[in-house]
């Protein structure tokens, strides 16, 4: 039976109880707003992510993993249900899913597991819907201590454990102190290069490295507690970072995420896979690994055979959705993609594309946007970046092999017409099957009016005048 030692360390007894045989302990570590490319595992040469790299070297790297929806609430509701947003009910952010859809934890518990969550795992009050045996939304400074205290005092040692840990980083606001030099960081090509942008980018990278350090600590605690490396460790992020074209967008920078899985002796070390998987597939995969019963009629499907090297393929097509986030993000989008092509449909091209970063310009978040507006007054290239951000066409179509950063919209090319039509029909049929009404939540910002930021400033000015 697993036990703790009084000296503060963690250890395991020599004999594994029969109830644990064939049921691996599982650790699921989730980041908040971590852009996939901002890791050494996925090609970055500037941000330090040694824990991720160690995990990748010892396990499997998924090069084509996607979330269901690139905002915190819908993404995590999809994770815990195996259902896309229209089917689980959590479409715009901060909207709760239907309680009966949150079945992942219950399926693991039915398989004999104790399931606990510390930090930001489910989204806010939705943690209660998930049904954890124990859950604490500990802040980042307390997460390591919270996890260690739980393992030391754990009571249900006769059960296999599914430990879920969610770091709030690198969600805004980014740490004020930076471990990176703003003057030497490399910005994405589609950014406007200003000192303010560089400062915020350096702070964002700092939070990634801090999050990576915590993940390494949790991994070490789990090794000490379980007494070996014989457990499943999974790392992923709920969507991309809060930067233009990232979070709240269906470009790869928003919807394509890191996914690393390690299980020594069971999953081949240092393996990369091109299999396309979605976050809705994680739930049935975990239940499958646990020897449980996967709920029927869900959208997700287990990719255990990919993990064990029995197949190199999983999905041929990925669907993603975004339906908004309060009154600062009113811009519904849908997309369908293969490995090579992506079709994006902007449901309200008559409106400004906008979100919190350009409206809520806080230090450590979107404050750099003021410098973008200033640059756009005199620099035509900067002006084009801002215009492209705010105004989207009804249809976007990208060749991801030739244009991985999705900068060249091919929707108007005659040679792509048949392919675009085919993918448009695919999306229509899928939305019909999903019961997706393509609703616009809250009032959008029409292109005929002021920018959402100017609208918000004017609204704030009028409010202040009333108070005086």
Protein backbone atom coordinates (compact mmCIF):
# COMPACT_ATOMS: atom_id res chain seq x y z
CA UNK A 1 0.00 0.00 0.00
CA UNK A 2 1.26 3.51 -0.75
CA UNK A 3 2.52 5.40 2.25
CA UNK A 4 4.25 8.61 3.31
CA UNK A 5 7.30 9.17 5.47
CA UNK A 6 7.47 11.68 8.27
CA UNK A 7 10.71 13.33 7.12
CA UNK A 8 8.82 15.27 4.46
CA UNK A 9 9.71 13.04 1.52
CA UNK A 10 7.31 10.71 -0.24
CA UNK A 11 7.75 7.02 -0.88
CA UNK A 12 5.86 3.89 -1.90
CA UNK A 13 5.74 0.51 -0.19
CA UNK A 14 7.31 -2.48 -1.91
CA UNK A 15 4.13 -4.30 -2.79
CA UNK A 16 1.40 -3.03 -5.07
CA UNK A 17 -2.09 -4.01 -3.90
CA UNK A 18 -4.19 -6.12 -6.23
CA UNK A 19 -6.66 -3.27 -6.68
CA UNK A 20 -3.97 -1.21 -8.45
CA UNK A 21 -2.75 -3.89 -10.86
CA UNK A 22 -3.48 -2.93 -14.46
CA UNK A 23 -4.74 0.52 -13.49
CA UNK A 24 -2.03 3.12 -13.94
CA UNK A 25 -1.80 6.15 -11.75
CA UNK A 26 -2.36 9.24 -13.89
CA UNK A 27 -1.11 12.82 -13.65
CA UNK A 28 -2.69 15.43 -15.92
CA UNK A 29 -0.95 18.81 -15.88
CA UNK A 30 -2.68 21.71 -17.65
CA UNK A 31 -1.41 25.15 -18.53
CA UNK A 32 -3.62 28.17 -19.11
CA UNK A 33 -3.06 30.09 -22.38
CA UNK A 34 0.23 28.48 -23.41
CA UNK A 35 0.92 28.89 -27.13
CA UNK A 36 2.16 25.62 -28.62
CA UNK A 37 5.11 27.12 -30.49
CA UNK A 38 6.43 28.75 -27.32
CA UNK A 39 8.27 25.66 -26.12
CA UNK A 40 11.57 24.02 -27.03
CA UNK A 41 9.58 20.88 -27.87
CA UNK A 42 7.84 22.68 -30.73
CA UNK A 43 10.77 24.65 -32.07
CA UNK A 44 11.30 27.71 -29.87
CA UNK A 45 14.95 28.59 -29.31
CA UNK A 46 14.27 31.42 -26.87
CA UNK A 47 11.98 30.14 -24.10
CA UNK A 48 13.37 27.68 -21.56
CA UNK A 49 11.06 24.69 -20.99
CA UNK A 50 13.27 21.88 -19.60
CA UNK A 51 10.41 19.95 -17.96
CA UNK A 52 8.47 19.84 -21.22
CA UNK A 53 11.59 18.78 -23.08
CA UNK A 54 12.29 16.01 -20.57
CA UNK A 55 8.71 14.81 -20.88
CA UNK A 56 8.95 14.84 -24.68
CA UNK A 57 12.26 12.97 -24.66
CA UNK A 58 10.78 10.23 -22.50
CA UNK A 59 7.34 10.05 -24.10
CA UNK A 60 5.20 10.91 -27.12
CA UNK A 61 4.78 14.32 -28.70
CA UNK A 62 1.55 15.08 -30.56
CA UNK A 63 2.22 17.53 -33.38
CA UNK A 64 -1.45 17.84 -34.33
CA UNK A 65 -3.45 18.28 -31.13
CA UNK A 66 -6.35 20.75 -31.03
CA UNK A 67 -8.83 22.07 -28.50
CA UNK A 68 -12.56 22.11 -29.17
CA UNK A 69 -12.84 25.85 -28.51
CA UNK A 70 -10.03 28.35 -27.73
CA UNK A 71 -11.38 29.93 -24.55
CA UNK A 72 -11.03 28.64 -21.01
CA UNK A 73 -14.59 27.59 -20.11
CA UNK A 74 -15.68 25.91 -23.35
CA UNK A 75 -12.32 24.18 -23.75
CA UNK A 76 -12.39 22.63 -20.30
CA UNK A 77 -16.10 21.75 -20.48
CA UNK A 78 -15.30 19.84 -23.68
CA UNK A 79 -12.42 18.08 -21.92
CA UNK A 80 -14.64 16.85 -19.09
CA UNK A 81 -17.51 15.82 -21.33
CA UNK A 82 -15.94 14.50 -24.52
CA UNK A 83 -18.54 16.67 -26.25
CA UNK A 84 -18.17 19.74 -28.45
CA UNK A 85 -19.54 23.04 -27.06
CA UNK A 86 -22.93 23.04 -28.80
CA UNK A 87 -23.63 19.60 -27.33
CA UNK A 88 -22.38 20.18 -23.78
CA UNK A 89 -23.92 23.64 -23.50
CA UNK A 90 -20.79 25.72 -22.77
CA UNK A 91 -20.53 27.80 -25.95
CA UNK A 92 -19.43 31.35 -25.00
CA UNK A 93 -16.83 31.63 -22.25
CA UNK A 94 -18.03 31.71 -18.62
CA UNK A 95 -21.15 29.77 -19.60
CA UNK A 96 -21.63 26.59 -17.57
CA UNK A 97 -22.07 23.28 -19.38
CA UNK A 98 -25.12 21.17 -18.74
CA UNK A 99 -24.30 19.25 -15.54
CA UNK A 100 -25.21 15.85 -16.98
CA UNK A 101 -22.52 16.19 -19.67
CA UNK A 102 -19.56 16.38 -17.28
CA UNK A 103 -18.92 12.64 -17.09
CA UNK A 104 -15.14 12.14 -17.24
CA UNK A 105 -14.45 12.21 -13.51
CA UNK A 106 -17.45 10.01 -12.78
CA UNK A 107 -16.29 7.44 -15.33
CA UNK A 108 -12.83 7.34 -13.73
CA UNK A 109 -14.36 7.00 -10.27
CA UNK A 110 -16.53 4.14 -11.53
CA UNK A 111 -13.29 2.48 -12.68
CA UNK A 112 -12.01 2.64 -9.11
CA UNK A 113 -10.02 5.88 -9.17
CA UNK A 114 -9.69 8.71 -6.74
CA UNK A 115 -9.78 11.87 -8.86
CA UNK A 116 -8.47 15.14 -7.45
CA UNK A 117 -7.80 18.57 -8.93
CA UNK A 118 -5.63 21.44 -7.74
CA UNK A 119 -5.37 24.83 -9.39
CA UNK A 120 -7.26 25.78 -12.53
CA UNK A 121 -8.39 22.44 -13.95
CA UNK A 122 -12.10 22.86 -14.57
CA UNK A 123 -13.29 26.43 -15.07
CA UNK A 124 -14.38 28.26 -11.93
CA UNK A 125 -17.64 26.94 -10.50
CA UNK A 126 -17.64 24.15 -13.10
CA UNK A 127 -15.25 22.22 -10.86
CA UNK A 128 -18.27 21.24 -8.76
CA UNK A 129 -19.99 19.84 -11.85
CA UNK A 130 -16.95 17.70 -12.62
CA UNK A 131 -17.42 15.82 -9.32
CA UNK A 132 -13.83 15.59 -8.05
CA UNK A 133 -13.15 13.72 -4.82
CA UNK A 134 -11.17 16.76 -3.76
CA UNK A 135 -10.52 20.07 -5.51
CA UNK A 136 -8.82 23.33 -4.57
CA UNK A 137 -8.33 26.29 -6.88
CA UNK A 138 -4.94 27.12 -5.39
CA UNK A 139 -3.06 30.12 -6.77
CA UNK A 140 0.23 29.51 -8.56
CA UNK A 141 2.39 30.36 -5.54
CA UNK A 142 0.63 27.68 -3.46
CA UNK A 143 0.21 24.89 -6.00
CA UNK A 144 3.38 22.95 -5.23
CA UNK A 145 2.67 23.02 -1.49
CA UNK A 146 -0.98 22.09 -2.04
CA UNK A 147 -0.09 19.06 -4.15
CA UNK A 148 2.63 17.90 -1.78
CA UNK A 149 0.38 18.27 1.28
CA UNK A 150 -2.32 16.20 -0.41
CA UNK A 151 0.08 13.39 -1.28
CA UNK A 152 1.49 13.32 2.26
CA UNK A 153 -1.94 13.14 3.86
CA UNK A 154 -3.76 11.09 1.22
CA UNK A 155 -6.25 8.65 2.73
CA UNK A 156 -7.51 6.58 -0.19
CA UNK A 157 -4.23 4.78 -0.76
CA UNK A 158 -6.00 1.60 -1.82
CA UNK A 159 -7.22 3.32 -5.00
CA UNK A 160 -5.33 4.30 -8.13
CA UNK A 161 -4.98 8.07 -8.35
CA UNK A 162 -5.79 10.52 -11.11
CA UNK A 163 -4.09 13.74 -10.05
CA UNK A 164 -4.99 16.85 -12.09
CA UNK A 165 -2.98 20.04 -11.65
CA UNK A 166 -3.75 23.28 -13.45
CA UNK A 167 -1.38 26.25 -13.42
CA UNK A 168 -2.94 29.66 -14.11
CA UNK A 169 0.17 30.64 -16.06
CA UNK A 170 0.80 32.00 -18.63
CA UNK A 171 -2.70 33.52 -18.47
CA UNK A 172 -2.68 37.31 -18.13
CA UNK A 173 -1.74 39.33 -16.23
CA UNK A 174 1.86 38.28 -16.86
CA UNK A 175 4.43 38.52 -14.09
CA UNK A 176 5.96 41.96 -13.70
CA UNK A 177 9.50 40.66 -13.27
CA UNK A 178 10.99 39.25 -16.46
CA UNK A 179 13.61 36.53 -16.83
CA UNK A 180 14.10 37.45 -20.50
CA UNK A 181 15.64 40.52 -22.11
CA UNK A 182 12.94 42.41 -24.05
CA UNK A 183 15.60 43.74 -26.40
CA UNK A 184 16.67 40.30 -27.61
CA UNK A 185 13.42 38.29 -27.71
CA UNK A 186 12.06 37.28 -31.11
CA UNK A 187 8.49 38.36 -31.79
CA UNK A 188 6.09 36.52 -34.10
CA UNK A 189 6.28 37.93 -37.64
CA UNK A 190 2.71 39.28 -37.57
CA UNK A 191 3.30 41.42 -34.47
CA UNK A 192 4.10 45.14 -34.52
CA UNK A 193 7.59 45.48 -33.08
CA UNK A 194 7.43 48.10 -30.32
CA UNK A 195 9.25 48.33 -26.96
CA UNK A 196 5.93 47.77 -25.18
CA UNK A 197 5.24 44.61 -27.18
CA UNK A 198 8.71 43.28 -26.43
CA UNK A 199 8.33 43.94 -22.72
CA UNK A 200 5.02 42.07 -22.59
CA UNK A 201 6.34 39.20 -24.71
CA UNK A 202 9.31 38.78 -22.37
CA UNK A 203 6.95 38.65 -19.40
CA UNK A 204 4.76 36.08 -21.17
CA UNK A 205 7.80 33.87 -21.81
CA UNK A 206 8.81 34.26 -18.16
CA UNK A 207 5.48 32.84 -17.03
CA UNK A 208 5.89 29.88 -19.39
CA UNK A 209 9.24 29.05 -17.84
CA UNK A 210 7.80 29.43 -14.32
CA UNK A 211 4.90 27.15 -15.22
CA UNK A 212 7.34 24.63 -16.70
CA UNK A 213 9.29 24.65 -13.43
CA UNK A 214 6.16 23.84 -11.45
CA UNK A 215 5.35 20.99 -13.81
CA UNK A 216 8.81 19.55 -13.15
CA UNK A 217 8.17 19.80 -9.41
CA UNK A 218 4.83 18.01 -9.70
CA UNK A 219 6.44 15.28 -11.78
CA UNK A 220 9.13 14.83 -9.12
CA UNK A 221 6.51 14.66 -6.34
CA UNK A 222 4.59 12.01 -8.27
CA UNK A 223 7.73 9.93 -8.86
CA UNK A 224 8.56 10.08 -5.15
CA UNK A 225 5.03 9.25 -4.11
CA UNK A 226 4.44 6.38 -6.52
CA UNK A 227 7.95 5.06 -5.92
CA UNK A 228 8.75 4.79 -9.64
CA UNK A 229 8.20 6.36 -13.04
CA UNK A 230 5.50 3.80 -13.86
CA UNK A 231 2.60 6.20 -14.18
CA UNK A 232 1.00 8.18 -16.99
CA UNK A 233 1.97 11.85 -17.19
CA UNK A 234 0.14 14.14 -19.62
CA UNK A 235 0.78 17.80 -20.38
CA UNK A 236 -1.37 20.14 -22.45
CA UNK A 237 -2.78 23.67 -22.59
CA UNK A 238 -6.42 24.75 -22.86
CA UNK A 239 -5.66 26.91 -25.94
CA UNK A 240 -3.18 29.43 -27.30
CA UNK A 241 -1.95 32.61 -25.68
CA UNK A 242 -3.76 35.93 -25.33
CA UNK A 243 -2.07 37.55 -28.31
CA UNK A 244 -3.47 38.63 -31.68
CA UNK A 245 -4.49 35.55 -33.74
CA UNK A 246 -4.14 33.38 -30.62
CA UNK A 247 -6.71 32.79 -27.88
CA UNK A 248 -10.34 33.28 -29.00
CA UNK A 249 -9.32 32.56 -32.61
CA UNK A 250 -9.44 29.45 -34.77
CA UNK A 251 -6.03 29.97 -36.32
CA UNK A 252 -3.54 27.34 -35.21
CA UNK A 253 -2.03 29.81 -32.74
CA UNK A 254 -5.33 29.66 -30.88
CA UNK A 255 -6.63 26.13 -31.35
CA UNK A 256 -3.54 23.93 -31.88
CA UNK A 257 -1.97 23.05 -28.55
CA UNK A 258 0.95 21.18 -27.00
CA UNK A 259 0.19 17.60 -25.99
CA UNK A 260 2.84 15.36 -24.41
CA UNK A 261 2.24 11.91 -22.93
CA UNK A 262 4.74 9.74 -21.04
CA UNK A 263 4.39 6.23 -19.66
CA UNK A 264 7.78 4.54 -19.42
CA UNK A 265 7.84 1.03 -20.83
CA UNK A 266 4.39 1.42 -22.39
CA UNK A 267 4.78 4.44 -24.66
CA UNK A 268 7.85 4.61 -26.87
CA UNK A 269 10.28 7.29 -25.69
CA UNK A 270 11.15 10.19 -27.95
CA UNK A 271 8.30 9.45 -30.37
CA UNK A 272 6.50 12.15 -32.37
CA UNK A 273 3.15 11.46 -33.97
CA UNK A 274 1.25 13.19 -36.77
CA UNK A 275 -2.05 11.72 -35.58
CA UNK A 276 -4.70 14.41 -35.36
CA UNK A 277 -6.41 14.46 -31.97
CA UNK A 278 -8.82 16.77 -30.17
CA UNK A 279 -9.25 17.66 -26.50
CA UNK A 280 -12.59 15.84 -26.64
CA UNK A 281 -10.52 12.68 -27.18
CA UNK A 282 -8.63 13.01 -23.89
CA UNK A 283 -11.62 11.96 -21.78
CA UNK A 284 -12.24 8.60 -23.52
CA UNK A 285 -8.48 8.02 -23.66
CA UNK A 286 -8.09 8.41 -19.89
CA UNK A 287 -11.11 6.22 -19.21
CA UNK A 288 -9.73 3.66 -21.65
CA UNK A 289 -6.33 3.66 -19.89
CA UNK A 290 -8.14 3.25 -16.57
CA UNK A 291 -10.00 0.19 -17.78
CA UNK A 292 -13.32 1.99 -17.38
CA UNK A 293 -16.42 2.28 -19.52
CA UNK A 294 -16.34 5.13 -22.01
CA UNK A 295 -19.69 6.95 -22.02
CA UNK A 296 -21.75 6.36 -25.12
CA UNK A 297 -22.73 8.98 -27.70
CA UNK A 298 -19.86 11.37 -27.06
CA UNK A 299 -17.90 13.16 -29.77
CA UNK A 300 -14.50 12.08 -28.50
CA UNK A 301 -12.76 8.79 -29.21
CA UNK A 302 -9.84 7.14 -27.46
CA UNK A 303 -6.38 7.46 -28.99
CA UNK A 304 -4.85 4.71 -26.85
CA UNK A 305 -3.84 2.81 -29.99
CA UNK A 306 -1.77 5.81 -31.07
CA UNK A 307 -0.05 5.90 -27.68
CA UNK A 308 0.82 2.22 -27.86
CA UNK A 309 2.08 2.39 -31.45
CA UNK A 310 -0.71 0.27 -32.91
CA UNK A 311 -1.72 3.00 -35.36
CA UNK A 312 -0.32 6.28 -36.62
CA UNK A 313 -3.68 7.85 -37.47
CA UNK A 314 -6.67 8.99 -35.44
CA UNK A 315 -8.76 11.74 -37.07
CA UNK A 316 -8.80 12.92 -40.66
CA UNK A 317 -10.65 16.14 -39.83
CA UNK A 318 -10.74 18.53 -36.88
CA UNK A 319 -13.64 20.88 -36.12
CA UNK A 320 -13.28 23.91 -33.86
CA UNK A 321 -15.67 26.60 -32.68
CA UNK A 322 -15.61 29.96 -30.94
CA UNK A 323 -18.75 31.76 -29.76
CA UNK A 324 -17.51 34.75 -27.77
CA UNK A 325 -16.65 35.88 -24.25
CA UNK A 326 -18.92 38.45 -22.63
CA UNK A 327 -19.30 41.88 -24.21
CA UNK A 328 -15.59 42.27 -25.01
CA UNK A 329 -15.48 39.36 -27.41
CA UNK A 330 -18.51 39.14 -29.68
CA UNK A 331 -17.26 37.41 -32.80
CA UNK A 332 -18.45 33.84 -33.52
CA UNK A 333 -16.22 31.66 -35.71
CA UNK A 334 -16.31 28.06 -36.99
CA UNK A 335 -13.59 26.03 -38.70
CA UNK A 336 -12.83 22.65 -40.24
CA UNK A 337 -9.36 21.49 -41.14
CA UNK A 338 -7.25 18.62 -42.36
CA UNK A 339 -3.49 18.45 -41.88
CA UNK A 340 -2.99 20.52 -45.02
CA UNK A 341 -6.02 22.78 -45.39
CA UNK A 342 -8.12 24.92 -43.09
CA UNK A 343 -11.49 26.51 -43.83
CA UNK A 344 -12.58 29.28 -41.44
CA UNK A 345 -16.02 30.86 -41.46
CA UNK A 346 -16.40 34.18 -39.68
CA UNK A 347 -20.11 34.33 -38.91
CA UNK A 348 -20.20 38.12 -38.46
CA UNK A 349 -17.76 39.63 -40.99
CA UNK A 350 -19.84 42.84 -40.81
CA UNK A 351 -18.47 43.37 -37.30
CA UNK A 352 -15.16 44.16 -35.67
CA UNK A 353 -13.13 41.16 -34.61
CA UNK A 354 -12.04 42.13 -31.12
CA UNK A 355 -11.36 40.70 -27.67
CA UNK A 356 -10.08 41.58 -24.22
CA UNK A 357 -6.50 42.29 -25.32
CA UNK A 358 -7.35 45.26 -27.54
CA UNK A 359 -10.22 46.56 -25.35
CA UNK A 360 -9.02 45.93 -21.80
CA UNK A 361 -5.51 47.38 -22.10
CA UNK A 362 -4.05 46.46 -18.73
CA UNK A 363 -0.43 46.26 -17.70
CA UNK A 364 0.74 42.69 -18.17
CA UNK A 365 -2.01 42.01 -20.70
CA UNK A 366 -3.12 44.26 -23.57
CA UNK A 367 -1.34 47.51 -22.65
CA UNK A 368 0.98 47.16 -25.66
CA UNK A 369 -2.02 47.86 -27.92
CA UNK A 370 -1.62 51.61 -27.39
CA UNK A 371 1.78 51.40 -29.06
CA UNK A 372 0.24 49.48 -31.97
CA UNK A 373 -2.35 52.19 -32.53
CA UNK A 374 0.38 54.83 -32.42
CA UNK A 375 2.58 52.94 -34.88
CA UNK A 376 -0.36 52.48 -37.26
CA UNK A 377 -0.69 56.28 -37.62
CA UNK A 378 2.62 56.56 -39.51
CA UNK A 379 3.65 53.05 -40.57
CA UNK A 380 1.61 51.50 -43.42
CA UNK A 381 2.70 47.97 -42.45
CA UNK A 382 1.56 48.52 -38.86
CA UNK A 383 -1.71 49.97 -40.12
CA UNK A 384 -2.26 46.85 -42.22
CA UNK A 385 -1.64 44.60 -39.20
CA UNK A 386 -4.25 46.48 -37.16
CA UNK A 387 -6.76 46.47 -40.02
CA UNK A 388 -6.26 42.74 -40.61
CA UNK A 389 -6.82 42.11 -36.91
CA UNK A 390 -10.08 44.07 -36.75
CA UNK A 391 -11.62 43.15 -40.12
CA UNK A 392 -12.01 39.54 -41.21
CA UNK A 393 -13.58 38.25 -44.44
CA UNK A 394 -16.51 35.86 -44.34
CA UNK A 395 -14.29 32.97 -45.46
CA UNK A 396 -10.61 32.28 -44.89
CA UNK A 397 -8.79 29.36 -46.46
CA UNK A 398 -5.20 28.36 -45.79
CA UNK A 399 -2.69 25.83 -47.07
CA UNK A 400 -1.10 24.93 -43.74
CA UNK A 401 1.86 23.14 -45.31
CA UNK A 402 2.92 26.19 -47.31
CA UNK A 403 1.63 28.81 -44.88
CA UNK A 404 1.77 27.40 -41.33
CA UNK A 405 1.18 30.81 -39.70
CA UNK A 406 -1.95 31.42 -41.80
CA UNK A 407 -1.01 34.77 -43.27
CA UNK A 408 -2.08 34.18 -46.89
CA UNK A 409 -5.83 33.79 -47.37
CA UNK A 410 -6.52 31.69 -50.49
CA UNK A 411 -10.30 32.00 -50.41
CA UNK A 412 -10.51 34.08 -53.60
CA UNK A 413 -8.37 31.79 -55.76
CA UNK A 414 -10.36 29.95 -58.46
CA UNK A 415 -8.13 26.87 -58.19
CA UNK A 416 -9.25 26.45 -54.56
CA UNK A 417 -12.98 26.88 -55.24
CA UNK A 418 -13.89 23.19 -55.35
CA UNK A 419 -11.92 22.40 -52.21
CA UNK A 420 -13.45 25.37 -50.38
CA UNK A 421 -16.94 24.29 -51.39
CA UNK A 422 -16.27 20.74 -50.19
CA UNK A 423 -15.05 21.90 -46.80
CA UNK A 424 -17.91 24.39 -46.51
CA UNK A 425 -20.40 21.56 -46.98
CA UNK A 426 -18.52 19.46 -44.42
CA UNK A 427 -18.80 22.27 -41.89
CA UNK A 428 -22.51 22.82 -42.62
CA UNK A 429 -23.30 19.15 -42.15
CA UNK A 430 -21.28 18.93 -38.96
CA UNK A 431 -22.95 21.98 -37.43
CA UNK A 432 -26.35 20.53 -38.26
CA UNK A 433 -25.40 17.24 -36.55
CA UNK A 434 -24.14 19.17 -33.52
CA UNK A 435 -27.25 21.31 -33.22
CA UNK A 436 -25.03 24.37 -33.58
CA UNK A 437 -27.35 27.37 -34.10
CA UNK A 438 -24.42 29.69 -34.93
CA UNK A 439 -25.76 32.17 -32.40
CA UNK A 440 -24.16 35.55 -31.75
CA UNK A 441 -24.05 36.11 -27.99
CA UNK A 442 -24.33 39.75 -26.86
CA UNK A 443 -24.25 42.78 -29.17
CA UNK A 444 -21.44 42.80 -31.74
CA UNK A 445 -19.48 45.89 -32.76
CA UNK A 446 -20.49 46.86 -36.30
CA UNK A 447 -17.74 47.97 -38.67
CA UNK A 448 -19.84 51.06 -39.40
CA UNK A 449 -19.29 52.24 -35.82
CA UNK A 450 -16.24 53.06 -33.65
CA UNK A 451 -13.66 50.43 -32.75
CA UNK A 452 -14.59 48.37 -29.68
CA UNK A 453 -11.81 50.12 -27.74
CA UNK A 454 -13.09 53.59 -28.66
CA UNK A 455 -16.64 52.46 -27.86
CA UNK A 456 -15.49 51.27 -24.41
CA UNK A 457 -13.64 54.53 -23.76
CA UNK A 458 -16.69 56.59 -24.66
CA UNK A 459 -18.91 54.42 -22.48
CA UNK A 460 -16.52 54.87 -19.56
CA UNK A 461 -16.39 58.64 -20.13
CA UNK A 462 -20.18 58.93 -20.06
CA UNK A 463 -20.35 56.85 -16.90
CA UNK A 464 -17.82 59.08 -15.17
CA UNK A 465 -19.76 62.19 -16.21
CA UNK A 466 -22.93 60.79 -14.67
CA UNK A 467 -21.15 60.18 -11.38
CA UNK A 468 -19.83 63.73 -11.20
